[in-house]
């Protein structure tokens, strides 16, 4: 049964295949400023390098962990089923003024070959419980105004539309439920 887990080298091959799927969609290039875009730029393919990579991703959640300038602690969780990487969820532990506008507390992606099977809904449900454990009572999620699938996922989780800023819709989602 799929579940959120800390990044692990056990899904290396599947993770790399998932990144290839995103690249085939035109994602993960130098102009992709998402968490996945940043993390996927220099993924080592060899087992030892990939183990170091997953350790670096896990360290982003530590209060004093190494991370890019201006980033807040962020728990990157992978959605896996046995050794199959299906997607990921990022949970930012607090909001900066920029994240309050675009990005919010939680972002997620499901790899293209695993879409339309309820994985995003399940990931978000699990991610909201993790957010609650961090003391976040209501999580901000944003999506592109024309991303009907993501909007449905957010609304299914109890998201209430606050407003639209630019091309982004902003929803507040309670973390208990």
C-alpha atoms as a PDB file:
ATOM      1  CA  UNK A   1       0.000   0.000   0.000  1.00  0.00           C
ATOM      2  CA  UNK A   2       1.479   3.401  -0.944  1.00  0.00           C
ATOM      3  CA  UNK A   3       2.596   5.700   1.855  1.00  0.00           C
ATOM      4  CA  UNK A   4       4.627   8.817   2.517  1.00  0.00           C
ATOM      5  CA  UNK A   5       8.150   8.097   3.693  1.00  0.00           C
ATOM      6  CA  UNK A   6      11.452   9.887   4.124  1.00  0.00           C
ATOM      7  CA  UNK A   7      13.566   9.884   0.947  1.00  0.00           C
ATOM      8  CA  UNK A   8      15.285   6.534   0.622  1.00  0.00           C
ATOM      9  CA  UNK A   9      17.845   5.043  -1.726  1.00  0.00           C
ATOM     10  CA  UNK A  10      15.685   1.906  -1.919  1.00  0.00           C
ATOM     11  CA  UNK A  11      13.615   3.530  -4.698  1.00  0.00           C
ATOM     12  CA  UNK A  12      16.577   4.922  -6.685  1.00  0.00           C
ATOM     13  CA  UNK A  13      15.742   3.307 -10.030  1.00  0.00           C
ATOM     14  CA  UNK A  14      12.079   4.197  -9.841  1.00  0.00           C
ATOM     15  CA  UNK A  15      12.853   7.773  -8.722  1.00  0.00           C
ATOM     16  CA  UNK A  16      15.218   8.265 -11.653  1.00  0.00           C
ATOM     17  CA  UNK A  17      12.588   6.841 -14.026  1.00  0.00           C
ATOM     18  CA  UNK A  18      10.001   9.227 -12.550  1.00  0.00           C
ATOM     19  CA  UNK A  19      12.309  12.197 -13.113  1.00  0.00           C
ATOM     20  CA  UNK A  20      12.711  11.101 -16.741  1.00  0.00           C
ATOM     21  CA  UNK A  21       8.897  11.165 -17.056  1.00  0.00           C
ATOM     22  CA  UNK A  22       8.767  14.726 -15.696  1.00  0.00           C
ATOM     23  CA  UNK A  23      11.556  15.778 -18.093  1.00  0.00           C
ATOM     24  CA  UNK A  24       9.582  14.282 -21.002  1.00  0.00           C
ATOM     25  CA  UNK A  25       6.743  16.645 -20.011  1.00  0.00           C
ATOM     26  CA  UNK A  26       9.148  19.602 -20.206  1.00  0.00           C
ATOM     27  CA  UNK A  27       9.648  19.915 -16.442  1.00  0.00           C
ATOM     28  CA  UNK A  28      12.818  20.030 -14.320  1.00  0.00           C
ATOM     29  CA  UNK A  29      14.762  22.346 -16.607  1.00  0.00           C
ATOM     30  CA  UNK A  30      16.757  25.385 -15.444  1.00  0.00           C
ATOM     31  CA  UNK A  31      13.567  27.500 -15.348  1.00  0.00           C
ATOM     32  CA  UNK A  32      11.743  25.041 -13.031  1.00  0.00           C
ATOM     33  CA  UNK A  33      11.915  26.728  -9.618  1.00  0.00           C
ATOM     34  CA  UNK A  34       9.856  24.095  -7.836  1.00  0.00           C
ATOM     35  CA  UNK A  35      11.361  21.984  -5.070  1.00  0.00           C
ATOM     36  CA  UNK A  36      11.428  18.986  -7.400  1.00  0.00           C
ATOM     37  CA  UNK A  37      13.071  21.105 -10.098  1.00  0.00           C
ATOM     38  CA  UNK A  38      15.772  22.238  -7.673  1.00  0.00           C
ATOM     39  CA  UNK A  39      16.371  18.793  -6.195  1.00  0.00           C
ATOM     40  CA  UNK A  40      16.427  17.017  -9.557  1.00  0.00           C
ATOM     41  CA  UNK A  41      19.099  19.150 -11.206  1.00  0.00           C
ATOM     42  CA  UNK A  42      22.089  17.105 -10.086  1.00  0.00           C
ATOM     43  CA  UNK A  43      20.790  13.705  -8.986  1.00  0.00           C
ATOM     44  CA  UNK A  44      23.618  11.166  -8.888  1.00  0.00           C
ATOM     45  CA  UNK A  45      22.640   7.923 -10.575  1.00  0.00           C
ATOM     46  CA  UNK A  46      25.184   5.686  -8.826  1.00  0.00           C
ATOM     47  CA  UNK A  47      23.979   4.015  -5.588  1.00  0.00           C
ATOM     48  CA  UNK A  48      26.491   5.702  -3.233  1.00  0.00           C
ATOM     49  CA  UNK A  49      25.855   9.143  -4.719  1.00  0.00           C
ATOM     50  CA  UNK A  50      22.119   8.630  -4.568  1.00  0.00           C
ATOM     51  CA  UNK A  51      22.378   7.674  -0.884  1.00  0.00           C
ATOM     52  CA  UNK A  52      24.178  10.990  -0.234  1.00  0.00           C
ATOM     53  CA  UNK A  53      21.502  12.771  -2.257  1.00  0.00           C
ATOM     54  CA  UNK A  54      18.672  11.320  -0.146  1.00  0.00           C
ATOM     55  CA  UNK A  55      20.552  12.268   3.044  1.00  0.00           C
ATOM     56  CA  UNK A  56      20.853  15.854   1.744  1.00  0.00           C
ATOM     57  CA  UNK A  57      17.119  15.974   0.982  1.00  0.00           C
ATOM     58  CA  UNK A  58      16.276  14.635   4.472  1.00  0.00           C
ATOM     59  CA  UNK A  59      18.566  17.264   6.047  1.00  0.00           C
ATOM     60  CA  UNK A  60      16.413  20.065   4.580  1.00  0.00           C
ATOM     61  CA  UNK A  61      13.906  19.409   7.382  1.00  0.00           C
ATOM     62  CA  UNK A  62      16.399  20.069  10.170  1.00  0.00           C
ATOM     63  CA  UNK A  63      16.070  23.479  11.848  1.00  0.00           C
ATOM     64  CA  UNK A  64      19.769  24.196  11.315  1.00  0.00           C
ATOM     65  CA  UNK A  65      20.217  21.944   8.288  1.00  0.00           C
ATOM     66  CA  UNK A  66      21.996  23.092   5.158  1.00  0.00           C
ATOM     67  CA  UNK A  67      19.675  24.602   2.585  1.00  0.00           C
ATOM     68  CA  UNK A  68      19.657  27.315  -0.061  1.00  0.00           C
ATOM     69  CA  UNK A  69      19.609  30.939   1.096  1.00  0.00           C
ATOM     70  CA  UNK A  70      16.124  32.084   2.126  1.00  0.00           C
ATOM     71  CA  UNK A  71      14.643  28.587   2.374  1.00  0.00           C
ATOM     72  CA  UNK A  72      12.776  27.478   5.489  1.00  0.00           C
ATOM     73  CA  UNK A  73      12.990  23.963   6.950  1.00  0.00           C
ATOM     74  CA  UNK A  74      11.115  21.651   4.604  1.00  0.00           C
ATOM     75  CA  UNK A  75      10.184  18.005   4.977  1.00  0.00           C
ATOM     76  CA  UNK A  76      10.434  16.284   1.602  1.00  0.00           C
ATOM     77  CA  UNK A  77       8.394  13.092   1.747  1.00  0.00           C
ATOM     78  CA  UNK A  78       8.257  10.508  -1.005  1.00  0.00           C
ATOM     79  CA  UNK A  79       5.117   8.591  -1.838  1.00  0.00           C
ATOM     80  CA  UNK A  80       6.177   4.995  -2.457  1.00  0.00           C
ATOM     81  CA  UNK A  81       4.644   1.591  -2.922  1.00  0.00           C
ATOM     82  CA  UNK A  82       7.263  -1.039  -2.072  1.00  0.00           C
ATOM     83  CA  UNK A  83      10.176   0.026  -4.296  1.00  0.00           C
ATOM     84  CA  UNK A  84       8.070   2.168  -6.654  1.00  0.00           C
ATOM     85  CA  UNK A  85       8.387   5.976  -6.340  1.00  0.00           C
ATOM     86  CA  UNK A  86       4.997   7.486  -7.185  1.00  0.00           C
ATOM     87  CA  UNK A  87       5.543  11.118  -6.252  1.00  0.00           C
ATOM     88  CA  UNK A  88       6.570  13.496  -3.519  1.00  0.00           C
ATOM     89  CA  UNK A  89       5.165  16.025  -1.095  1.00  0.00           C
ATOM     90  CA  UNK A  90       7.012  19.046   0.298  1.00  0.00           C
ATOM     91  CA  UNK A  91       5.960  20.400   3.649  1.00  0.00           C
ATOM     92  CA  UNK A  92       7.427  23.787   4.489  1.00  0.00           C
ATOM     93  CA  UNK A  93       7.484  24.212   8.268  1.00  0.00           C
ATOM     94  CA  UNK A  94       6.703  27.936   8.160  1.00  0.00           C
ATOM     95  CA  UNK A  95       5.862  30.606   5.626  1.00  0.00           C
ATOM     96  CA  UNK A  96       8.013  33.447   4.357  1.00  0.00           C
ATOM     97  CA  UNK A  97       6.349  36.451   2.713  1.00  0.00           C
ATOM     98  CA  UNK A  98       7.078  34.845  -0.674  1.00  0.00           C
ATOM     99  CA  UNK A  99       5.603  31.476   0.317  1.00  0.00           C
ATOM    100  CA  UNK A 100       2.537  33.292   1.615  1.00  0.00           C
ATOM    101  CA  UNK A 101       1.994  34.604  -1.919  1.00  0.00           C
ATOM    102  CA  UNK A 102       3.002  31.535  -3.949  1.00  0.00           C
ATOM    103  CA  UNK A 103       3.959  28.084  -2.748  1.00  0.00           C
ATOM    104  CA  UNK A 104       2.357  27.829   0.658  1.00  0.00           C
ATOM    105  CA  UNK A 105       3.049  25.106   3.197  1.00  0.00           C
ATOM    106  CA  UNK A 106       2.534  22.093   0.953  1.00  0.00           C
ATOM    107  CA  UNK A 107       3.364  21.246  -2.630  1.00  0.00           C
ATOM    108  CA  UNK A 108       3.153  17.855  -4.311  1.00  0.00           C
ATOM    109  CA  UNK A 109       3.704  16.089  -7.615  1.00  0.00           C
ATOM    110  CA  UNK A 110       2.636  12.671  -8.857  1.00  0.00           C
ATOM    111  CA  UNK A 111       4.818  11.160 -11.564  1.00  0.00           C
ATOM    112  CA  UNK A 112       3.017  11.103 -14.927  1.00  0.00           C
ATOM    113  CA  UNK A 113       2.661   7.302 -15.157  1.00  0.00           C
ATOM    114  CA  UNK A 114       0.967   7.194 -11.715  1.00  0.00           C
ATOM    115  CA  UNK A 115      -1.586   9.982 -12.181  1.00  0.00           C
ATOM    116  CA  UNK A 116      -5.375   9.706 -12.021  1.00  0.00           C
ATOM    117  CA  UNK A 117      -5.328   6.942  -9.402  1.00  0.00           C
ATOM    118  CA  UNK A 118      -6.012   8.995  -6.246  1.00  0.00           C
ATOM    119  CA  UNK A 119      -2.367   9.283  -5.203  1.00  0.00           C
ATOM    120  CA  UNK A 120      -2.400  13.087  -4.863  1.00  0.00           C
ATOM    121  CA  UNK A 121      -5.482  12.927  -2.620  1.00  0.00           C
ATOM    122  CA  UNK A 122      -3.905  10.251  -0.430  1.00  0.00           C
ATOM    123  CA  UNK A 123      -0.556  12.074  -0.273  1.00  0.00           C
ATOM    124  CA  UNK A 124      -2.195  15.317   0.751  1.00  0.00           C
ATOM    125  CA  UNK A 125      -4.289  13.583   3.428  1.00  0.00           C
ATOM    126  CA  UNK A 126      -1.124  12.053   4.932  1.00  0.00           C
ATOM    127  CA  UNK A 127       0.799  15.310   4.518  1.00  0.00           C
ATOM    128  CA  UNK A 128      -1.838  17.277   6.419  1.00  0.00           C
ATOM    129  CA  UNK A 129      -1.405  14.927   9.386  1.00  0.00           C
ATOM    130  CA  UNK A 130       2.342  15.563   9.308  1.00  0.00           C
ATOM    131  CA  UNK A 131       1.683  19.316   9.137  1.00  0.00           C
ATOM    132  CA  UNK A 132      -0.541  19.026  12.204  1.00  0.00           C
ATOM    133  CA  UNK A 133       2.276  17.255  14.076  1.00  0.00           C
ATOM    134  CA  UNK A 134       4.464  20.298  13.335  1.00  0.00           C
ATOM    135  CA  UNK A 135       1.886  22.632  14.901  1.00  0.00           C
ATOM    136  CA  UNK A 136       0.391  23.898  11.635  1.00  0.00           C
ATOM    137  CA  UNK A 137      -3.356  24.197  12.215  1.00  0.00           C
ATOM    138  CA  UNK A 138      -4.283  25.389   8.744  1.00  0.00           C
ATOM    139  CA  UNK A 139      -2.023  24.810   5.754  1.00  0.00           C
ATOM    140  CA  UNK A 140      -1.771  27.129   2.775  1.00  0.00           C
ATOM    141  CA  UNK A 141      -1.774  25.391  -0.599  1.00  0.00           C
ATOM    142  CA  UNK A 142      -1.599  27.070  -3.969  1.00  0.00           C
ATOM    143  CA  UNK A 143      -2.202  25.821  -7.490  1.00  0.00           C
ATOM    144  CA  UNK A 144      -2.300  27.303 -10.946  1.00  0.00           C
ATOM    145  CA  UNK A 145      -5.706  28.766 -11.740  1.00  0.00           C
ATOM    146  CA  UNK A 146      -6.094  26.362 -14.674  1.00  0.00           C
ATOM    147  CA  UNK A 147      -5.023  23.199 -12.804  1.00  0.00           C
ATOM    148  CA  UNK A 148      -8.466  21.675 -12.257  1.00  0.00           C
ATOM    149  CA  UNK A 149      -7.059  18.354 -10.997  1.00  0.00           C
ATOM    150  CA  UNK A 150      -5.009  19.973  -8.231  1.00  0.00           C
ATOM    151  CA  UNK A 151      -7.898  22.236  -7.290  1.00  0.00           C
ATOM    152  CA  UNK A 152     -10.156  19.172  -6.868  1.00  0.00           C
ATOM    153  CA  UNK A 153      -7.542  17.471  -4.669  1.00  0.00           C
ATOM    154  CA  UNK A 154      -7.230  20.548  -2.450  1.00  0.00           C
ATOM    155  CA  UNK A 155     -10.989  21.032  -2.180  1.00  0.00           C
ATOM    156  CA  UNK A 156     -11.482  17.312  -1.407  1.00  0.00           C
ATOM    157  CA  UNK A 157      -9.127  17.815   1.549  1.00  0.00           C
ATOM    158  CA  UNK A 158     -11.319  20.643   2.857  1.00  0.00           C
ATOM    159  CA  UNK A 159      -9.482  23.512   1.192  1.00  0.00           C
ATOM    160  CA  UNK A 160     -11.265  26.850   1.199  1.00  0.00           C
ATOM    161  CA  UNK A 161     -10.380  29.297  -1.563  1.00  0.00           C
ATOM    162  CA  UNK A 162      -9.115  32.566  -0.120  1.00  0.00           C
ATOM    163  CA  UNK A 163      -8.225  34.392  -3.319  1.00  0.00           C
ATOM    164  CA  UNK A 164      -6.327  34.415  -6.596  1.00  0.00           C
ATOM    165  CA  UNK A 165      -2.993  36.193  -6.867  1.00  0.00           C
ATOM    166  CA  UNK A 166      -1.714  36.346 -10.381  1.00  0.00           C
ATOM    167  CA  UNK A 167      -2.093  32.884 -11.880  1.00  0.00           C
ATOM    168  CA  UNK A 168      -2.238  31.180  -8.453  1.00  0.00           C
ATOM    169  CA  UNK A 169      -5.285  30.173  -6.447  1.00  0.00           C
ATOM    170  CA  UNK A 170      -4.686  30.205  -2.664  1.00  0.00           C
ATOM    171  CA  UNK A 171      -6.471  27.737  -0.372  1.00  0.00           C
ATOM    172  CA  UNK A 172      -6.389  27.222   3.386  1.00  0.00           C
ATOM    173  CA  UNK A 173      -6.816  23.605   4.433  1.00  0.00           C
ATOM    174  CA  UNK A 174      -7.410  22.487   8.044  1.00  0.00           C
ATOM    175  CA  UNK A 175      -4.849  19.940   9.191  1.00  0.00           C
ATOM    176  CA  UNK A 176      -7.129  18.017  11.514  1.00  0.00           C
ATOM    177  CA  UNK A 177      -9.859  15.883  10.180  1.00  0.00           C
END
